[in-house]
């Protein structure tokens, strides 16, 4: 597995597992951390791939604001460039003082998110759904591909793997072929 793909896989595992607010701690310090995920999340943390420190229980659901912050951090690492975001409030429910204001605006600026409903709200504290995650992840890789011209084959292979991971859990009764 090449270095880029290894980083992508590590990041995706970390993304699916981590994000809740609480006491700052590292994955190695968390007794409530799932043993099977410890190595990958620690590796992602050590690589600087996470936009936040590990928090109390990484088995909690991921909120939209943290998911967006993660994807912005991922884009900045993959492209080796900072994203320019707006200083103006884009969404009604993400005021200028919001903890993730900058990351959410950066994600909006590059098309990772377009808001919810009519686009006036973001719903930062709502859990991210599988379809939202898949959509934001696709838009993230589309942006990266356009920015640094990743080979399309690697991009398609990765997106297929993500699709299968999200929509085709083991022993799924549903068809697992992307259409």
Foldseek 3Di string as FASTA:
>chain_A
DDPVVLLVVLLVLLLQQADDDADFDALVPAPQEDPVNSVSNNVCVVVVQAQDGGHHHSRDFHFQLRSLSSLQSNLCVLLVHHADFDCDQQAPPQDNPHPSRRSVRSLVVQVLDQAPDVSRHNRRGHGQALVNSLSSVLSSVVSSCVRPVDPVVVVVVVSLVSQCVSPPDPPDPDDSDDD
